[in-house]
Amino acid sequence: MKKIQKIFWITAYGYILLPFLIFLLGWVKLLIALPLTLILCYVFYKICKEAPAIWMPEWNKENIIKVIFIVGVIAIWVYYSGIGKFVFQNTDHAIRNGIFNILVERQWPIVNSEILADSDFALNDVNKTGLIYYIGFWLPSALIGKIFGLHEGYCAQALWAVLGIALVYYFICAVMKKIVVWPLFVMIFFSGLDAMGIFLTGVDPMEYGSKMHLEWWGTPYQYSSMTTQLYWVFNQAIPAWLCTMLVYIQRNNRNIVFILACSMLTSTFPFVGLLMLVCFLCLSRKYERHNVDKAVGERMKRHICCVMKDTITMQNVLGGGIIGITTFLYLKSNSSGAVIMGKNNKGPEFDNSLAKLVIFLILEIGVYAVLLYKYNRANSLFYFLVVCLCMIPPVKVGYSIDFCMRASIPALFILMILVIRTIDEAWKKRDYRVFTGLVTALIIGSLTPICEFERTFSETFRRIKVGEIVAEEDHDMLEILNDPNFSGNIEHNIFYEYFAK
């Protein structure tokens, strides 16, 4: 029975660890990779052995029907996201398709010498570069693609996404201690009040509804809805959601650094937001109070000792250390990652604007903060989320506004969890003012994912009607390996010189 109660823990930890193990064995010299893999397998065994029993649903007819319905809705959500190339894909998928094709069709580790050998370029005409990107999400399905074929790899990619989201939603139900359907629709439709932003800034909503997505009203600031994340940056979002949920439900710090490290290869920008959340949770963890009459300095020293004792474990130090250091050495040579607070060269709409920032924070965070306050005023995590989400927008890393959009994912996800819990509590207490306020905010916010759905549906059927390929055209491999967002120079590179095959 205990093993059954741990099955979701085991599956979730396996889900976040497997991409790194594949990377280790595929990219790193076997003399280094094999012992590190054995160590990580032992760490995984120790984590699973120590995992506490977690809530399990009663498998009666009603709950089985609910589970089938939930998984079905998740599968439809994923299907229409463009993952797997079944329907219309947003423009970002062109790059992601190209990267996945490279991972399936080319020898690991990926360097441009092999591709150049098949092209008209001479190797000494361009820099020697390698694929240096957060590729973790694709690795399990890319391995399937290498064995069975590219099409099967894309199908595996969609199934991997469904599994990840299903695990995320299980833990949401575990927090509520019951299988419930309605929070899934909160997750799908959760968003800031972008329609109000378009109204206040005077943008033509018809242009945004048909050609763009509503969140672009706030450029250079954007907080993406869960559907937007899935439809545009699924490779970062799904692992980030799961790692965030795992961190959130931890009773102690024994595995928290390990979880954080596992997010680096899949969700590099969300890793930064998750790092802030992990630091907060570690330091705010409550322990037994001893000698309360002692001075504040002594109590603080005692608390820090408890935090260190709780955090310095084999899982965190050995497991998290191996994953974190290896991933850091691989990713640190990404060309765009070295550009921090760089000068804008994308036009005036990308310039920071204080007036727009104030409206942005009110509509994306402020409305929800006011509505959540009554039931969360004693919750320090609530204040942390508000401060965190107010600090992220002005920061710029790379050549675009990706940091704002992606580093915010963990905090936005926990904010959504607080919305779900507050709606549930307000309904039980018949607090219709808070309940109606949150539902109204969600309805206004839902216009953003609805526009994402509309664009996918209309473009898919239009392309079918005129006989076009519905999916986005794959990006050129050589361009990807010489684009600073997805590559880096491998000459005099520590990882490629000493660790890579």
Protein backbone atom coordinates (compact mmCIF):
# COMPACT_ATOMS: atom_id res chain seq x y z
CA MET A 1 0.00 0.00 0.00
CA LYS A 2 2.84 2.41 0.84
CA LYS A 3 4.42 1.82 -2.57
CA ILE A 4 1.10 2.62 -4.27
CA GLN A 5 0.85 5.86 -2.27
CA LYS A 6 4.31 6.83 -3.52
CA ILE A 7 3.67 6.09 -7.19
CA PHE A 8 2.95 9.72 -8.09
CA TRP A 9 6.05 10.93 -6.25
CA ILE A 10 8.17 8.36 -8.09
CA THR A 11 6.66 9.21 -11.48
CA ALA A 12 7.05 12.97 -10.94
CA TYR A 13 10.68 12.74 -9.79
CA GLY A 14 11.41 10.38 -12.68
CA TYR A 15 9.80 12.85 -15.10
CA ILE A 16 12.06 15.74 -14.07
CA LEU A 17 15.24 13.60 -13.78
CA LEU A 18 15.00 11.52 -16.98
CA PRO A 19 15.88 14.36 -19.42
CA PHE A 20 19.14 15.04 -17.59
CA LEU A 21 20.07 11.33 -17.50
CA ILE A 22 19.53 11.13 -21.28
CA PHE A 23 21.61 14.30 -21.71
CA LEU A 24 24.37 12.88 -19.53
CA LEU A 25 24.62 9.65 -21.49
CA GLY A 26 24.15 11.35 -24.87
CA TRP A 27 26.42 14.38 -24.52
CA VAL A 28 29.08 13.51 -21.94
CA LYS A 29 32.02 11.12 -22.25
CA LEU A 30 31.01 7.69 -20.96
CA LEU A 31 33.96 7.58 -18.56
CA ILE A 32 32.36 10.55 -16.77
CA ALA A 33 28.72 9.89 -17.58
CA LEU A 34 28.43 6.31 -16.31
CA PRO A 35 29.57 6.90 -12.70
CA LEU A 36 27.52 10.11 -12.48
CA THR A 37 24.46 8.23 -13.79
CA LEU A 38 24.91 5.52 -11.15
CA ILE A 39 25.19 8.14 -8.43
CA LEU A 40 22.02 9.88 -9.64
CA CYS A 41 20.15 6.57 -9.80
CA TYR A 42 21.07 5.96 -6.17
CA VAL A 43 19.97 9.50 -5.26
CA PHE A 44 16.68 8.86 -7.07
CA TYR A 45 16.24 5.60 -5.11
CA LYS A 46 16.89 7.45 -1.85
CA ILE A 47 14.40 10.19 -2.73
CA CYS A 48 11.72 7.63 -3.57
CA LYS A 49 12.43 5.63 -0.42
CA GLU A 50 12.10 8.70 1.80
CA ALA A 51 9.04 10.06 -0.02
CA PRO A 52 6.11 10.42 2.37
CA ALA A 53 2.72 8.92 1.66
CA ILE A 54 0.59 11.38 -0.25
CA TRP A 55 -3.15 11.66 -0.73
CA MET A 56 -4.58 9.02 -3.04
CA PRO A 57 -8.07 9.14 -4.51
CA GLU A 58 -10.60 6.45 -3.81
CA TRP A 59 -10.94 4.56 -7.08
CA ASN A 60 -14.71 4.36 -7.27
CA LYS A 61 -16.80 4.73 -10.43
CA GLU A 62 -17.35 8.47 -9.97
CA ASN A 63 -13.65 9.25 -9.56
CA ILE A 64 -12.64 7.02 -12.47
CA ILE A 65 -15.05 8.91 -14.73
CA LYS A 66 -13.61 12.21 -13.48
CA VAL A 67 -10.03 11.06 -14.16
CA ILE A 68 -10.92 9.93 -17.69
CA PHE A 69 -12.60 13.30 -18.34
CA ILE A 70 -9.65 15.26 -16.89
CA VAL A 71 -7.05 13.36 -18.92
CA GLY A 72 -9.23 13.77 -22.01
CA VAL A 73 -9.44 17.55 -21.55
CA ILE A 74 -5.67 17.73 -20.99
CA ALA A 75 -5.08 15.67 -24.16
CA ILE A 76 -7.32 18.03 -26.19
CA TRP A 77 -5.55 21.07 -24.68
CA VAL A 78 -2.18 19.60 -25.71
CA TYR A 79 -3.43 18.51 -29.15
CA TYR A 80 -4.53 22.04 -30.07
CA SER A 81 -1.35 23.59 -28.63
CA GLY A 82 0.59 22.48 -31.70
CA ILE A 83 2.78 20.00 -29.83
CA GLY A 84 3.22 17.01 -32.12
CA LYS A 85 2.52 19.01 -35.34
CA PHE A 86 -1.12 17.86 -35.54
CA VAL A 87 -2.65 21.34 -36.00
CA PHE A 88 -1.70 24.97 -36.66
CA GLN A 89 1.34 26.07 -34.66
CA ASN A 90 2.27 29.55 -33.51
CA THR A 91 5.41 31.03 -35.06
CA ASP A 92 7.72 30.03 -32.18
CA HIS A 93 7.16 26.39 -33.12
CA ALA A 94 9.27 26.82 -36.27
CA ILE A 95 12.38 27.07 -34.11
CA ARG A 96 11.22 24.34 -31.75
CA ASN A 97 10.48 21.99 -34.64
CA GLY A 98 13.93 22.69 -36.06
CA ILE A 99 15.62 21.97 -32.74
CA PHE A 100 13.66 18.74 -32.31
CA ASN A 101 14.59 17.65 -35.84
CA ILE A 102 18.26 18.26 -35.07
CA LEU A 103 18.00 16.23 -31.86
CA VAL A 104 16.39 13.32 -33.69
CA GLU A 105 18.39 13.31 -36.92
CA ARG A 106 21.89 14.33 -35.85
CA GLN A 107 24.50 12.71 -33.67
CA TRP A 108 24.79 13.93 -30.08
CA PRO A 109 26.34 16.22 -28.97
CA ILE A 110 25.10 18.61 -31.64
CA VAL A 111 27.81 20.70 -33.34
CA ASN A 112 27.67 22.47 -36.68
CA SER A 113 30.60 20.60 -38.27
CA GLU A 114 28.43 17.63 -39.27
CA ILE A 115 25.71 19.86 -40.73
CA LEU A 116 28.25 22.03 -42.52
CA ALA A 117 29.73 18.92 -44.10
CA ASP A 118 26.38 18.42 -45.86
CA SER A 119 26.13 22.06 -46.96
CA ASP A 120 27.89 24.46 -49.32
CA PHE A 121 29.70 26.26 -46.47
CA ALA A 122 33.30 25.59 -45.54
CA LEU A 123 33.82 24.91 -41.85
CA ASN A 124 36.45 27.63 -41.51
CA ASP A 125 34.01 30.23 -42.91
CA VAL A 126 31.88 30.24 -39.75
CA ASN A 127 32.35 29.83 -36.03
CA LYS A 128 32.38 26.32 -34.63
CA THR A 129 29.18 26.30 -32.64
CA GLY A 130 27.09 23.80 -30.75
CA LEU A 131 23.44 23.58 -29.78
CA ILE A 132 23.44 25.23 -26.36
CA TYR A 133 19.84 25.58 -25.26
CA TYR A 134 17.36 24.32 -22.68
CA ILE A 135 16.66 21.11 -24.62
CA GLY A 136 15.64 18.87 -21.71
CA PHE A 137 11.91 18.57 -22.48
CA TRP A 138 12.58 17.14 -25.94
CA LEU A 139 15.19 14.53 -25.02
CA PRO A 140 12.88 11.61 -24.03
CA SER A 141 10.79 11.98 -27.20
CA ALA A 142 13.89 12.67 -29.32
CA LEU A 143 15.28 9.34 -28.13
CA ILE A 144 12.02 7.70 -29.26
CA GLY A 145 12.40 9.51 -32.57
CA LYS A 146 15.93 8.20 -33.04
CA ILE A 147 14.74 4.63 -32.53
CA PHE A 148 11.37 4.63 -34.33
CA GLY A 149 11.41 7.68 -36.60
CA LEU A 150 10.73 11.42 -36.60
CA HIS A 151 6.92 11.16 -36.81
CA GLU A 152 6.83 8.77 -33.85
CA GLY A 153 9.09 11.21 -31.99
CA TYR A 154 6.57 14.02 -32.47
CA CYS A 155 3.77 11.76 -31.20
CA ALA A 156 5.90 10.85 -28.17
CA GLN A 157 6.47 14.57 -27.58
CA ALA A 158 2.69 15.11 -27.27
CA LEU A 159 2.29 12.11 -24.94
CA TRP A 160 5.17 13.37 -22.78
CA ALA A 161 3.37 16.72 -22.51
CA VAL A 162 0.07 15.07 -21.51
CA LEU A 163 1.86 13.03 -18.83
CA GLY A 164 3.58 16.12 -17.41
CA ILE A 165 0.37 18.15 -17.17
CA ALA A 166 -1.55 15.19 -15.72
CA LEU A 167 1.07 14.92 -12.96
CA VAL A 168 0.79 18.64 -12.28
CA TYR A 169 -2.96 18.38 -11.98
CA TYR A 170 -2.78 15.34 -9.73
CA PHE A 171 -0.75 17.37 -7.22
CA ILE A 172 -3.31 20.18 -7.42
CA CYS A 173 -5.99 17.63 -6.50
CA ALA A 174 -3.71 16.27 -3.76
CA VAL A 175 -3.52 19.75 -2.21
CA MET A 176 -7.34 19.88 -2.22
CA LYS A 177 -7.53 16.22 -1.10
CA LYS A 178 -10.16 15.33 -3.68
CA ILE A 179 -10.55 14.82 -7.40
CA VAL A 180 -12.16 17.98 -8.72
CA VAL A 181 -12.68 19.07 -12.31
CA TRP A 182 -13.26 22.82 -12.11
CA PRO A 183 -9.66 23.80 -11.17
CA LEU A 184 -8.53 22.37 -14.51
CA PHE A 185 -10.61 25.01 -16.29
CA VAL A 186 -9.19 27.69 -14.00
CA MET A 187 -5.74 26.51 -15.11
CA ILE A 188 -6.66 26.55 -18.80
CA PHE A 189 -8.29 30.01 -18.68
CA PHE A 190 -6.17 31.71 -15.98
CA SER A 191 -4.70 35.00 -17.22
CA GLY A 192 -4.18 38.63 -16.39
CA LEU A 193 -6.77 41.18 -17.52
CA ASP A 194 -5.25 41.74 -20.95
CA ALA A 195 -8.54 42.80 -22.55
CA MET A 196 -8.65 45.71 -20.07
CA GLY A 197 -5.06 46.58 -21.00
CA ILE A 198 -5.99 46.77 -24.68
CA PHE A 199 -8.95 49.01 -23.82
CA LEU A 200 -6.89 51.37 -21.64
CA THR A 201 -4.00 51.68 -24.10
CA GLY A 202 -6.25 52.25 -27.12
CA VAL A 203 -5.12 49.27 -29.18
CA ASP A 204 -7.44 47.95 -31.89
CA PRO A 205 -8.76 44.66 -30.39
CA MET A 206 -9.71 43.26 -33.81
CA GLU A 207 -6.09 43.44 -34.91
CA TYR A 208 -4.94 41.65 -31.77
CA GLY A 209 -7.69 39.05 -31.91
CA SER A 210 -6.98 38.01 -35.47
CA LYS A 211 -3.23 38.41 -35.89
CA MET A 212 -1.52 38.59 -32.51
CA HIS A 213 -2.26 37.52 -29.00
CA LEU A 214 -3.74 39.83 -26.42
CA GLU A 215 -0.77 39.83 -24.05
CA TRP A 216 1.29 41.85 -26.51
CA TRP A 217 -0.56 45.00 -25.40
CA GLY A 218 1.93 45.41 -22.54
CA THR A 219 5.20 45.11 -24.54
CA PRO A 220 7.94 45.26 -23.28
CA TYR A 221 6.18 43.61 -20.33
CA GLN A 222 4.24 40.37 -20.56
CA TYR A 223 2.95 37.76 -18.13
CA SER A 224 1.70 34.79 -20.11
CA SER A 225 -1.46 32.83 -19.37
CA MET A 226 -1.07 29.08 -18.84
CA THR A 227 -2.55 28.45 -22.28
CA THR A 228 -0.18 30.97 -23.88
CA GLN A 229 2.75 29.23 -22.18
CA LEU A 230 1.59 25.86 -23.48
CA TYR A 231 0.90 27.14 -27.00
CA TRP A 232 4.19 29.04 -27.37
CA VAL A 233 6.85 27.72 -24.94
CA PHE A 234 5.59 24.30 -23.84
CA ASN A 235 9.16 22.99 -23.55
CA GLN A 236 9.82 25.40 -20.66
CA ALA A 237 6.35 25.65 -19.18
CA ILE A 238 5.38 22.04 -18.48
CA PRO A 239 8.56 21.07 -16.58
CA ALA A 240 8.45 24.44 -14.77
CA TRP A 241 4.86 23.82 -13.64
CA LEU A 242 5.75 20.38 -12.30
CA CYS A 243 8.94 21.50 -10.53
CA THR A 244 7.06 24.45 -9.03
CA MET A 245 4.29 22.18 -7.78
CA LEU A 246 6.82 19.73 -6.30
CA VAL A 247 8.64 22.56 -4.52
CA TYR A 248 5.34 24.00 -3.25
CA ILE A 249 4.12 20.78 -1.62
CA GLN A 250 7.43 19.80 0.02
CA ARG A 251 7.15 19.40 3.78
CA ASN A 252 10.87 20.04 4.24
CA ASN A 253 13.97 21.06 2.28
CA ARG A 254 15.50 17.60 1.83
CA ASN A 255 14.87 17.41 -1.94
CA ILE A 256 14.23 21.04 -2.80
CA VAL A 257 17.64 21.84 -4.36
CA PHE A 258 17.52 18.60 -6.36
CA ILE A 259 14.14 19.65 -7.83
CA LEU A 260 15.51 23.11 -8.58
CA ALA A 261 18.56 21.69 -10.36
CA CYS A 262 16.39 19.42 -12.51
CA SER A 263 14.63 22.49 -13.92
CA MET A 264 17.83 24.02 -15.34
CA LEU A 265 18.06 21.92 -18.52
CA THR A 266 14.36 22.21 -19.32
CA SER A 267 13.34 25.66 -18.04
CA THR A 268 16.37 27.93 -17.72
CA PHE A 269 14.52 31.25 -17.35
CA PRO A 270 11.81 29.78 -15.08
CA PHE A 271 14.71 28.34 -13.05
CA VAL A 272 15.55 31.88 -11.94
CA GLY A 273 12.00 32.44 -10.68
CA LEU A 274 11.99 29.01 -9.05
CA LEU A 275 15.31 29.80 -7.36
CA MET A 276 13.71 32.84 -5.69
CA LEU A 277 10.77 30.68 -4.57
CA VAL A 278 13.08 27.96 -3.22
CA CYS A 279 15.13 30.51 -1.23
CA PHE A 280 11.95 31.93 0.27
CA LEU A 281 10.51 28.53 1.20
CA CYS A 282 13.80 27.32 2.69
CA LEU A 283 14.22 30.39 4.88
CA SER A 284 10.56 30.66 5.90
CA ARG A 285 10.17 27.00 6.89
CA LYS A 286 8.96 26.73 10.49
CA TYR A 287 10.81 24.49 12.93
CA GLU A 288 10.30 23.65 16.60
CA ARG A 289 11.03 26.63 18.76
CA HIS A 290 13.65 26.23 21.45
CA ASN A 291 14.70 28.78 24.05
CA VAL A 292 12.21 31.42 22.91
CA ASP A 293 13.42 33.70 25.68
CA LYS A 294 16.83 34.10 24.00
CA ALA A 295 17.80 37.17 22.02
CA VAL A 296 16.62 37.64 18.45
CA GLY A 297 20.17 37.01 17.16
CA GLU A 298 20.34 33.67 18.95
CA ARG A 299 16.95 32.59 17.65
CA MET A 300 17.91 33.58 14.13
CA LYS A 301 21.17 31.65 14.42
CA ARG A 302 19.22 28.62 15.64
CA HIS A 303 16.79 28.95 12.73
CA ILE A 304 19.60 29.15 10.17
CA CYS A 305 21.20 26.03 11.68
CA CYS A 306 17.88 24.19 11.31
CA VAL A 307 17.56 25.34 7.70
CA MET A 308 21.12 24.18 6.90
CA LYS A 309 20.58 20.81 8.58
CA ASP A 310 17.31 20.33 6.70
CA THR A 311 18.80 21.36 3.35
CA ILE A 312 22.26 19.77 3.33
CA THR A 313 21.28 16.26 2.26
CA MET A 314 22.71 13.75 -0.20
CA GLN A 315 19.85 14.50 -2.58
CA ASN A 316 20.55 18.22 -2.62
CA VAL A 317 24.34 18.30 -2.38
CA LEU A 318 25.29 15.27 -4.48
CA GLY A 319 22.28 14.98 -6.78
CA GLY A 320 21.58 18.68 -7.14
CA GLY A 321 25.30 19.42 -7.39
CA ILE A 322 25.93 16.99 -10.25
CA ILE A 323 22.89 18.16 -12.21
CA GLY A 324 23.39 21.85 -11.48
CA ILE A 325 27.13 22.07 -12.20
CA THR A 326 26.96 19.96 -15.39
CA THR A 327 23.98 21.91 -16.74
CA PHE A 328 25.60 25.23 -15.86
CA LEU A 329 28.81 24.34 -17.71
CA TYR A 330 26.74 23.36 -20.75
CA LEU A 331 24.45 26.40 -20.79
CA LYS A 332 26.86 29.14 -19.76
CA SER A 333 28.26 29.53 -23.27
CA ASN A 334 24.90 30.36 -24.81
CA SER A 335 25.60 33.65 -26.59
CA SER A 336 22.39 35.52 -25.74
CA GLY A 337 22.49 34.50 -22.08
CA ALA A 338 25.49 36.75 -21.57
CA VAL A 339 23.48 39.85 -22.58
CA ILE A 340 22.01 41.34 -19.40
CA MET A 341 20.08 44.63 -19.44
CA GLY A 342 21.33 45.13 -22.99
CA LYS A 343 20.37 48.11 -25.14
CA ASN A 344 17.06 47.78 -26.98
CA ASN A 345 17.32 47.48 -30.76
CA LYS A 346 13.78 46.27 -31.48
CA GLY A 347 11.93 49.57 -31.70
CA PRO A 348 10.26 52.10 -29.35
CA GLU A 349 7.54 49.66 -28.22
CA PHE A 350 10.27 47.64 -26.47
CA ASP A 351 11.48 50.61 -24.41
CA ASN A 352 10.66 50.46 -20.71
CA SER A 353 7.73 52.72 -19.90
CA LEU A 354 6.84 53.57 -16.30
CA ALA A 355 3.29 54.53 -17.26
CA LYS A 356 2.71 51.21 -19.00
CA LEU A 357 4.47 49.30 -16.18
CA VAL A 358 2.05 50.70 -13.58
CA ILE A 359 -1.02 49.71 -15.64
CA PHE A 360 0.57 46.34 -16.37
CA LEU A 361 1.15 45.54 -12.68
CA ILE A 362 -2.37 46.63 -11.71
CA LEU A 363 -4.05 44.45 -14.35
CA GLU A 364 -1.75 41.43 -14.11
CA ILE A 365 -1.13 41.33 -10.35
CA GLY A 366 -2.97 44.10 -8.50
CA VAL A 367 -6.55 42.97 -9.14
CA TYR A 368 -5.82 39.41 -8.03
CA ALA A 369 -3.79 40.64 -5.03
CA VAL A 370 -6.72 42.71 -3.77
CA LEU A 371 -9.19 39.85 -4.21
CA LEU A 372 -6.86 37.31 -2.54
CA TYR A 373 -5.89 39.52 0.39
CA LYS A 374 -8.77 38.64 2.73
CA TYR A 375 -7.94 34.93 2.77
CA ASN A 376 -4.16 35.26 2.45
CA ARG A 377 -3.22 38.21 4.63
CA ALA A 378 -1.51 35.90 7.13
CA ASN A 379 0.25 33.96 4.34
CA SER A 380 3.82 35.22 3.85
CA LEU A 381 4.01 33.37 0.52
CA PHE A 382 1.26 35.66 -0.81
CA TYR A 383 3.34 38.78 -0.11
CA PHE A 384 6.45 37.16 -1.58
CA LEU A 385 4.60 36.43 -4.83
CA VAL A 386 3.33 39.99 -5.15
CA VAL A 387 6.78 41.49 -4.53
CA CYS A 388 8.46 38.99 -6.84
CA LEU A 389 6.03 39.63 -9.70
CA CYS A 390 6.48 43.38 -9.29
CA MET A 391 10.29 43.08 -9.48
CA ILE A 392 10.62 40.85 -12.55
CA PRO A 393 9.24 43.03 -15.43
CA PRO A 394 12.05 45.63 -15.70
CA VAL A 395 14.80 42.98 -15.82
CA LYS A 396 16.07 42.06 -19.28
CA VAL A 397 18.28 39.09 -20.20
CA GLY A 398 19.07 38.17 -23.79
CA TYR A 399 17.87 39.91 -26.92
CA SER A 400 14.14 40.01 -26.18
CA ILE A 401 11.67 40.17 -23.26
CA ASP A 402 11.91 36.44 -22.51
CA PHE A 403 13.08 36.95 -18.93
CA CYS A 404 9.90 38.77 -17.94
CA MET A 405 7.69 36.20 -19.67
CA ARG A 406 9.48 33.07 -18.42
CA ALA A 407 11.11 33.88 -15.05
CA SER A 408 7.60 34.76 -13.87
CA ILE A 409 6.17 31.29 -14.59
CA PRO A 410 6.69 29.75 -11.09
CA ALA A 411 5.25 32.77 -9.24
CA LEU A 412 2.30 33.02 -11.64
CA PHE A 413 1.61 29.32 -11.21
CA ILE A 414 1.53 29.59 -7.39
CA LEU A 415 -0.66 32.71 -7.71
CA MET A 416 -3.07 30.57 -9.72
CA ILE A 417 -3.02 27.93 -6.95
CA LEU A 418 -3.92 30.62 -4.41
CA VAL A 419 -6.79 31.73 -6.65
CA ILE A 420 -8.10 28.14 -6.80
CA ARG A 421 -7.85 27.68 -3.04
CA THR A 422 -9.45 31.06 -2.31
CA ILE A 423 -12.37 30.39 -4.66
CA ASP A 424 -12.92 27.04 -2.93
CA GLU A 425 -12.75 28.59 0.54
CA ALA A 426 -14.94 31.59 -0.33
CA TRP A 427 -17.61 29.30 -1.79
CA LYS A 428 -17.62 27.09 1.31
CA LYS A 429 -17.97 30.15 3.55
CA ARG A 430 -20.59 31.70 1.26
CA ASP A 431 -18.41 34.75 0.82
CA TYR A 432 -20.00 35.68 -2.48
CA ARG A 433 -18.23 39.03 -2.73
CA VAL A 434 -14.75 37.46 -2.98
CA PHE A 435 -16.07 34.51 -4.96
CA THR A 436 -17.83 36.72 -7.53
CA GLY A 437 -14.84 39.05 -7.77
CA LEU A 438 -12.41 36.23 -8.56
CA VAL A 439 -14.78 34.56 -11.02
CA THR A 440 -15.32 37.91 -12.79
CA ALA A 441 -11.56 38.50 -13.03
CA LEU A 442 -11.11 34.98 -14.43
CA ILE A 443 -13.85 35.55 -17.02
CA ILE A 444 -12.23 38.80 -18.23
CA GLY A 445 -8.82 37.13 -18.22
CA SER A 446 -10.18 34.13 -20.14
CA LEU A 447 -10.45 36.26 -23.28
CA THR A 448 -6.69 35.85 -23.71
CA PRO A 449 -6.64 32.02 -23.96
CA ILE A 450 -9.91 32.12 -25.92
CA CYS A 451 -8.11 34.19 -28.58
CA GLU A 452 -5.31 31.59 -28.60
CA PHE A 453 -7.90 28.87 -29.19
CA GLU A 454 -9.68 30.88 -31.89
CA ARG A 455 -6.48 31.47 -33.85
CA THR A 456 -5.54 27.79 -33.70
CA PHE A 457 -8.98 26.58 -34.76
CA SER A 458 -9.49 29.09 -37.57
CA GLU A 459 -5.98 28.73 -39.01
CA THR A 460 -6.06 24.94 -38.83
CA PHE A 461 -9.32 24.66 -40.76
CA ARG A 462 -8.37 27.43 -43.21
CA ARG A 463 -5.14 25.63 -44.09
CA ILE A 464 -6.93 22.29 -44.42
CA LYS A 465 -9.48 23.94 -46.73
CA VAL A 466 -6.86 25.39 -49.09
CA GLY A 467 -4.68 22.29 -48.97
CA GLU A 468 -1.77 23.75 -47.00
CA ILE A 469 0.34 21.93 -44.41
CA VAL A 470 -1.24 22.90 -41.09
CA ALA A 471 1.93 22.86 -38.96
CA GLU A 472 4.62 25.55 -38.98
CA GLU A 473 7.54 25.16 -41.37
CA ASP A 474 10.63 23.78 -39.62
CA HIS A 475 13.52 26.19 -39.06
CA ASP A 476 16.79 25.55 -40.91
CA MET A 477 19.32 23.55 -38.89
CA LEU A 478 22.33 25.65 -39.90
CA GLU A 479 20.58 28.89 -38.98
CA ILE A 480 19.72 27.51 -35.54
CA LEU A 481 23.33 26.53 -34.85
CA ASN A 482 24.50 30.04 -35.71
CA ASP A 483 21.73 31.91 -33.92
CA PRO A 484 22.96 33.34 -30.56
CA ASN A 485 19.65 32.45 -28.88
CA PHE A 486 20.16 28.73 -29.46
CA SER A 487 23.90 28.19 -29.78
CA GLY A 488 27.34 29.15 -28.55
CA ASN A 489 30.96 28.96 -29.56
CA ILE A 490 32.45 25.58 -28.60
CA GLU A 491 36.11 26.53 -29.08
CA HIS A 492 37.87 26.96 -25.72
CA ASN A 493 34.63 25.89 -24.08
CA ILE A 494 35.06 24.00 -20.78
CA PHE A 495 32.11 21.69 -21.33
CA TYR A 496 32.88 20.81 -24.94
CA GLU A 497 36.62 20.63 -24.37
CA TYR A 498 36.67 18.41 -21.26
CA PHE A 499 33.25 16.76 -20.84
CA ALA A 500 31.52 16.40 -24.21
CA LYS A 501 32.03 13.30 -26.33
